[in-house]
Amino acid sequence: MNIDVASRTIGSILFLIFLGYSSRKIGFLKQGDERVFSAYIYYFALPALFIINLTEVDFTFERLRFIFAGQIPVVLIIAVYVIVYMILNFSRETLYLLIVSTVFGSLAFFGLPFVILAFPDESILATLAVASISIIAVPISIGVLELHQIGESALTKTARHIARKLSKNPLIISIVLGFILSLLKVEIPSPLEIALKMLGSTTATVAIFMLGVFFYGRKYVNISHGLKLSLLRAIVLPLIALFVASWLNLTISEKAIIIIMHGCPVAVSNIVLSERYNFYKETMASLILISSIAAGIYLNLWLFLLGY
């Protein structure tokens, strides 16, 4: 294991989480303040990062191969779940839980900061990975939560509702805009480019700090259940990603980024969404806590297995 990379990632991430948690415990921040951080990242910092980094991507064959390497594992794991569901005939709610727990990872709030800390020169490639995976993982996850709430009897209505939501999602909009600007070779004016870079550069620090703020004061039950579910993103999905990345003959750095993105913790947004959709609220809180704390260690183990 590369001690330098491990210390940068584990030490920095845990320290920022600790600062966020302590700020709530001491009273510097109040209940609800985490939503301000979340809104800042969601509406400003992350869209700025997507736009500024994606415009610098040249969509060569190698880049398209990298994009598909990020998306294929999501499709494969869902296909596996559906097949197992049809064979074993377990409850539909269990299927929904498996999909959300596996597909909806904290790519922007954890995976991206981790890659930037581990490989400072790979921020553009990391952003491309986040964008390409998110553009299919986010709609699938939101769709599953909507089906849980509304039911499959109103499938057409649910699809229209999801489409309306996604059309207003700032992350989806910024990803699409970034891709368009890149394909059209549009140059962003210098003053705007500088402003976007300043906003985007705050994403990693604020996102990890916000995790600690979110963790304070939550009710954590079903710890053992959360631990089992955390293995889906710690082991199962990264294994699939490793197989796909090897099959597509990615470079070692591309392979590492794809595995990190598919191995990063369950999205912290699931805390808010699970409350909004009344979807395994306590289990989700425990799952996010366990996976976020453990991720710094097991992601470095994955890097070690890859030869870093």
Protein backbone atom coordinates (compact mmCIF):
# COMPACT_ATOMS: atom_id res chain seq x y z
CA MET A 1 0.00 0.00 0.00
CA ASN A 2 1.26 3.48 -0.90
CA ILE A 3 1.64 5.11 2.52
CA ASP A 4 1.64 8.61 1.05
CA VAL A 5 -1.65 8.08 -0.81
CA ALA A 6 -3.22 6.29 2.19
CA SER A 7 -2.26 9.08 4.60
CA ARG A 8 -3.55 11.79 2.24
CA THR A 9 -6.88 10.08 1.70
CA ILE A 10 -7.66 8.44 5.06
CA GLY A 11 -6.16 11.18 7.22
CA SER A 12 -7.59 14.12 5.30
CA ILE A 13 -11.06 12.64 4.88
CA LEU A 14 -11.44 11.54 8.51
CA PHE A 15 -10.13 14.90 9.76
CA LEU A 16 -12.64 16.86 7.66
CA ILE A 17 -15.49 14.57 8.77
CA PHE A 18 -14.37 15.06 12.38
CA LEU A 19 -14.37 18.85 11.95
CA GLY A 20 -17.88 18.77 10.51
CA TYR A 21 -19.17 16.52 13.30
CA SER A 22 -17.45 18.62 15.99
CA SER A 23 -18.90 21.85 14.61
CA ARG A 24 -22.39 20.48 15.34
CA LYS A 25 -21.49 18.99 18.70
CA ILE A 26 -19.83 22.19 19.95
CA GLY A 27 -22.63 24.34 18.58
CA PHE A 28 -20.84 26.29 15.85
CA LEU A 29 -23.44 24.93 13.45
CA LYS A 30 -27.11 24.25 14.18
CA GLN A 31 -29.54 21.59 13.03
CA GLY A 32 -30.45 22.27 9.42
CA ASP A 33 -27.20 24.06 8.57
CA GLU A 34 -26.06 20.96 6.67
CA ARG A 35 -28.75 21.76 4.10
CA VAL A 36 -27.00 25.04 3.34
CA PHE A 37 -23.76 23.16 2.56
CA SER A 38 -25.69 20.60 0.53
CA ALA A 39 -27.48 23.30 -1.47
CA TYR A 40 -24.21 25.13 -2.12
CA ILE A 41 -22.58 21.99 -3.53
CA TYR A 42 -25.71 20.85 -5.37
CA TYR A 43 -26.58 24.15 -7.05
CA PHE A 44 -23.22 25.92 -7.37
CA ALA A 45 -19.92 24.12 -6.66
CA LEU A 46 -20.55 20.78 -8.35
CA PRO A 47 -22.28 22.17 -11.48
CA ALA A 48 -19.36 24.60 -11.86
CA LEU A 49 -16.88 21.71 -11.55
CA PHE A 50 -18.79 19.63 -14.11
CA ILE A 51 -18.96 22.45 -16.65
CA ILE A 52 -15.35 23.60 -16.33
CA ASN A 53 -13.83 20.09 -16.35
CA LEU A 54 -16.07 18.50 -18.97
CA THR A 55 -15.38 21.31 -21.45
CA GLU A 56 -11.72 20.27 -21.32
CA VAL A 57 -12.45 16.65 -22.28
CA ASP A 58 -11.68 15.51 -25.83
CA PHE A 59 -14.12 12.75 -26.71
CA THR A 60 -11.68 10.35 -28.30
CA PHE A 61 -12.22 6.59 -28.55
CA GLU A 62 -10.27 6.17 -25.29
CA ARG A 63 -12.54 8.62 -23.47
CA LEU A 64 -15.71 6.96 -24.80
CA ARG A 65 -14.34 3.59 -23.69
CA PHE A 66 -13.73 5.08 -20.23
CA ILE A 67 -17.32 6.40 -20.10
CA PHE A 68 -18.76 2.99 -20.99
CA ALA A 69 -16.50 1.33 -18.40
CA GLY A 70 -18.17 3.50 -15.78
CA GLN A 71 -21.73 2.84 -16.93
CA ILE A 72 -21.68 -0.88 -17.71
CA PRO A 73 -21.23 -2.07 -14.06
CA VAL A 74 -24.42 -0.21 -13.06
CA VAL A 75 -26.41 -1.93 -15.79
CA LEU A 76 -24.90 -5.34 -14.98
CA ILE A 77 -25.59 -5.22 -11.23
CA ILE A 78 -29.22 -4.19 -11.78
CA ALA A 79 -29.64 -7.02 -14.30
CA VAL A 80 -28.23 -9.47 -11.73
CA TYR A 81 -30.62 -8.18 -9.05
CA VAL A 82 -33.64 -8.47 -11.34
CA ILE A 83 -32.71 -12.03 -12.36
CA VAL A 84 -32.18 -13.08 -8.73
CA TYR A 85 -35.46 -11.38 -7.78
CA MET A 86 -37.33 -13.35 -10.45
CA ILE A 87 -35.72 -16.63 -9.36
CA LEU A 88 -35.98 -16.25 -5.57
CA ASN A 89 -39.19 -14.20 -5.61
CA PHE A 90 -38.22 -12.03 -2.63
CA SER A 91 -40.15 -8.83 -1.91
CA ARG A 92 -40.12 -5.91 -4.32
CA GLU A 93 -39.12 -3.61 -1.47
CA THR A 94 -35.98 -5.69 -0.96
CA LEU A 95 -35.18 -5.31 -4.66
CA TYR A 96 -35.59 -1.54 -4.34
CA LEU A 97 -33.32 -1.47 -1.28
CA LEU A 98 -30.61 -3.47 -3.06
CA ILE A 99 -30.70 -1.20 -6.12
CA VAL A 100 -30.58 2.09 -4.19
CA SER A 101 -27.91 0.78 -1.78
CA THR A 102 -25.69 -0.29 -4.67
CA VAL A 103 -26.30 2.16 -7.51
CA PHE A 104 -26.62 5.50 -5.71
CA GLY A 105 -23.06 6.14 -4.58
CA SER A 106 -21.52 9.29 -3.18
CA LEU A 107 -19.53 9.90 -6.34
CA ALA A 108 -19.42 13.68 -6.05
CA PHE A 109 -19.31 14.00 -2.25
CA PHE A 110 -16.75 11.23 -1.61
CA GLY A 111 -15.44 9.55 -4.76
CA LEU A 112 -14.36 12.79 -6.42
CA PRO A 113 -12.57 14.18 -3.31
CA PHE A 114 -10.88 10.80 -2.78
CA VAL A 115 -9.50 10.72 -6.33
CA ILE A 116 -8.37 14.35 -6.12
CA LEU A 117 -6.52 13.59 -2.87
CA ALA A 118 -5.03 10.35 -4.20
CA PHE A 119 -4.25 11.52 -7.73
CA PRO A 120 -4.16 15.35 -7.87
CA ASP A 121 -3.48 15.37 -11.63
CA GLU A 122 -6.55 13.28 -12.51
CA SER A 123 -9.35 15.70 -11.57
CA ILE A 124 -10.68 15.98 -15.13
CA LEU A 125 -10.82 12.20 -15.58
CA ALA A 126 -12.46 11.86 -12.15
CA THR A 127 -15.09 14.45 -13.09
CA LEU A 128 -15.79 12.59 -16.33
CA ALA A 129 -16.29 9.38 -14.33
CA VAL A 130 -18.70 11.09 -11.91
CA ALA A 131 -20.66 12.66 -14.77
CA SER A 132 -20.91 9.53 -16.92
CA ILE A 133 -21.98 7.28 -14.02
CA SER A 134 -24.33 9.83 -12.44
CA ILE A 135 -26.23 10.44 -15.66
CA ILE A 136 -27.63 6.89 -15.46
CA ALA A 137 -27.37 6.12 -11.72
CA VAL A 138 -29.28 9.19 -10.53
CA PRO A 139 -32.37 8.64 -12.76
CA ILE A 140 -32.46 4.94 -11.85
CA SER A 141 -32.25 5.67 -8.11
CA ILE A 142 -34.87 8.43 -8.21
CA GLY A 143 -37.08 6.19 -10.33
CA VAL A 144 -36.87 3.35 -7.80
CA LEU A 145 -37.73 5.70 -4.93
CA GLU A 146 -40.70 7.07 -6.88
CA LEU A 147 -41.92 3.54 -7.59
CA HIS A 148 -41.61 2.77 -3.88
CA GLN A 149 -43.76 5.80 -3.02
CA ILE A 150 -46.30 5.89 -5.86
CA GLY A 151 -46.37 2.25 -6.90
CA GLU A 152 -46.03 0.51 -10.24
CA SER A 153 -49.76 0.86 -10.98
CA ALA A 154 -49.05 4.48 -11.96
CA LEU A 155 -45.95 3.68 -14.01
CA THR A 156 -46.64 6.17 -16.83
CA LYS A 157 -47.41 8.94 -14.36
CA THR A 158 -44.27 8.07 -12.41
CA ALA A 159 -42.11 8.20 -15.56
CA ARG A 160 -43.43 11.67 -16.45
CA HIS A 161 -42.87 12.86 -12.88
CA ILE A 162 -39.28 11.59 -12.91
CA ALA A 163 -38.61 13.19 -16.30
CA ARG A 164 -39.84 16.56 -15.02
CA LYS A 165 -37.64 16.28 -11.93
CA LEU A 166 -34.54 15.36 -13.90
CA SER A 167 -35.09 18.18 -16.39
CA LYS A 168 -34.70 20.62 -13.48
CA ASN A 169 -31.81 18.81 -11.77
CA PRO A 170 -28.78 21.16 -11.75
CA LEU A 171 -26.31 18.25 -11.83
CA ILE A 172 -27.91 16.65 -14.89
CA ILE A 173 -28.20 20.06 -16.59
CA SER A 174 -24.55 20.92 -15.92
CA ILE A 175 -23.37 17.49 -17.13
CA VAL A 176 -25.31 17.82 -20.39
CA LEU A 177 -24.13 21.43 -20.81
CA GLY A 178 -20.52 20.41 -20.19
CA PHE A 179 -20.75 17.63 -22.78
CA ILE A 180 -22.31 20.00 -25.34
CA LEU A 181 -19.68 22.72 -24.79
CA SER A 182 -16.94 20.12 -25.17
CA LEU A 183 -18.37 18.63 -28.36
CA LEU A 184 -18.85 22.10 -29.89
CA LYS A 185 -15.36 23.19 -28.77
CA VAL A 186 -16.79 26.30 -27.10
CA GLU A 187 -14.30 28.34 -25.10
CA ILE A 188 -15.61 29.80 -21.84
CA PRO A 189 -14.74 33.52 -21.41
CA SER A 190 -11.81 33.99 -19.03
CA PRO A 191 -13.66 35.86 -16.21
CA LEU A 192 -16.42 33.22 -16.15
CA GLU A 193 -13.88 30.40 -16.38
CA ILE A 194 -11.99 31.74 -13.35
CA ALA A 195 -15.22 32.09 -11.35
CA LEU A 196 -16.30 28.54 -12.22
CA LYS A 197 -12.88 27.15 -11.29
CA MET A 198 -13.03 28.95 -7.93
CA LEU A 199 -16.46 27.49 -7.22
CA GLY A 200 -15.52 24.01 -8.42
CA SER A 201 -12.32 23.92 -6.37
CA THR A 202 -14.35 24.10 -3.14
CA THR A 203 -16.37 20.96 -3.91
CA ALA A 204 -14.09 18.33 -2.35
CA THR A 205 -13.44 20.12 0.96
CA VAL A 206 -17.02 21.24 1.58
CA ALA A 207 -18.47 17.86 0.57
CA ILE A 208 -16.37 15.88 3.06
CA PHE A 209 -16.88 18.46 5.83
CA MET A 210 -20.62 18.25 5.22
CA LEU A 211 -20.56 14.48 5.83
CA GLY A 212 -19.54 15.08 9.43
CA VAL A 213 -22.27 17.70 9.85
CA PHE A 214 -24.84 15.24 8.49
CA PHE A 215 -23.73 12.43 10.80
CA TYR A 216 -24.33 14.34 14.03
CA GLY A 217 -27.63 13.72 15.81
CA ARG A 218 -28.85 10.92 13.54
CA LYS A 219 -30.48 7.76 14.85
CA TYR A 220 -28.40 4.72 13.93
CA VAL A 221 -30.10 1.32 14.17
CA ASN A 222 -29.91 -1.91 12.16
CA ILE A 223 -26.12 -1.59 12.22
CA SER A 224 -25.60 -5.23 11.22
CA HIS A 225 -28.00 -4.83 8.29
CA GLY A 226 -26.21 -1.67 7.24
CA LEU A 227 -22.86 -3.46 7.44
CA LYS A 228 -24.06 -6.24 5.13
CA LEU A 229 -25.46 -3.75 2.62
CA SER A 230 -22.21 -1.77 2.67
CA LEU A 231 -20.42 -4.81 1.21
CA LEU A 232 -22.32 -4.29 -2.05
CA ARG A 233 -20.34 -1.12 -2.81
CA ALA A 234 -17.21 -2.16 -0.92
CA ILE A 235 -16.72 -5.49 -2.72
CA VAL A 236 -19.41 -6.57 -5.22
CA LEU A 237 -19.72 -3.50 -7.47
CA PRO A 238 -15.94 -2.79 -7.53
CA LEU A 239 -15.35 -6.41 -8.55
CA ILE A 240 -17.73 -5.98 -11.47
CA ALA A 241 -16.04 -2.68 -12.31
CA LEU A 242 -12.63 -4.38 -12.24
CA PHE A 243 -13.85 -7.07 -14.63
CA VAL A 244 -15.34 -4.50 -17.04
CA ALA A 245 -12.29 -2.20 -16.87
CA SER A 246 -9.96 -5.13 -17.57
CA TRP A 247 -12.16 -6.36 -20.41
CA LEU A 248 -12.08 -2.88 -22.01
CA ASN A 249 -8.30 -2.72 -21.49
CA LEU A 250 -8.25 0.54 -19.53
CA THR A 251 -4.97 1.99 -18.29
CA ILE A 252 -4.05 1.41 -14.64
CA SER A 253 -5.03 4.96 -13.62
CA GLU A 254 -8.35 4.76 -15.48
CA LYS A 255 -9.03 1.39 -13.88
CA ALA A 256 -8.28 2.79 -10.41
CA ILE A 257 -10.65 5.74 -10.89
CA ILE A 258 -13.50 3.53 -12.13
CA ILE A 259 -13.09 1.15 -9.18
CA ILE A 260 -12.93 4.03 -6.68
CA MET A 261 -16.12 5.56 -8.08
CA HIS A 262 -17.98 2.26 -7.87
CA GLY A 263 -16.57 1.55 -4.42
CA CYS A 264 -17.23 4.91 -2.80
CA PRO A 265 -19.87 5.01 -0.01
CA VAL A 266 -23.61 5.22 -0.48
CA ALA A 267 -24.65 8.78 -1.31
CA VAL A 268 -25.22 11.03 1.69
CA SER A 269 -28.20 12.40 -0.25
CA ASN A 270 -29.91 9.12 0.63
CA ILE A 271 -30.35 10.41 4.19
CA VAL A 272 -32.57 13.21 2.92
CA LEU A 273 -34.24 11.11 0.22
CA SER A 274 -34.98 8.21 2.57
CA GLU A 275 -36.79 10.64 4.88
CA ARG A 276 -38.67 12.27 2.00
CA TYR A 277 -39.76 8.93 0.53
CA ASN A 278 -40.06 7.11 3.89
CA PHE A 279 -37.59 4.53 2.57
CA TYR A 280 -35.67 2.52 5.20
CA LYS A 281 -34.68 5.72 7.05
CA GLU A 282 -32.76 4.18 9.96
CA THR A 283 -31.09 1.54 7.79
CA MET A 284 -29.92 4.16 5.29
CA ALA A 285 -28.44 6.36 8.02
CA SER A 286 -26.47 3.40 9.43
CA LEU A 287 -25.40 2.24 5.96
CA ILE A 288 -24.07 5.70 5.03
CA LEU A 289 -22.23 6.06 8.36
CA ILE A 290 -20.55 2.64 8.12
CA SER A 291 -19.60 2.90 4.45
CA SER A 292 -18.30 6.47 4.75
CA ILE A 293 -16.06 5.71 7.74
CA ALA A 294 -14.75 2.45 6.26
CA ALA A 295 -14.32 3.68 2.68
CA GLY A 296 -10.97 5.36 3.26
CA ILE A 297 -9.54 1.99 4.30
CA TYR A 298 -11.12 -0.39 1.79
CA LEU A 299 -10.59 1.96 -1.17
CA ASN A 300 -6.89 2.04 -0.33
CA LEU A 301 -6.94 -1.77 -0.21
CA TRP A 302 -8.37 -1.76 -3.73
CA LEU A 303 -5.55 0.56 -4.82
CA PHE A 304 -3.08 -1.82 -3.20
CA LEU A 305 -4.55 -4.76 -5.15
CA LEU A 306 -4.16 -2.71 -8.33
CA GLY A 307 -0.48 -2.17 -7.59
CA TYR A 308 -0.50 1.32 -6.10
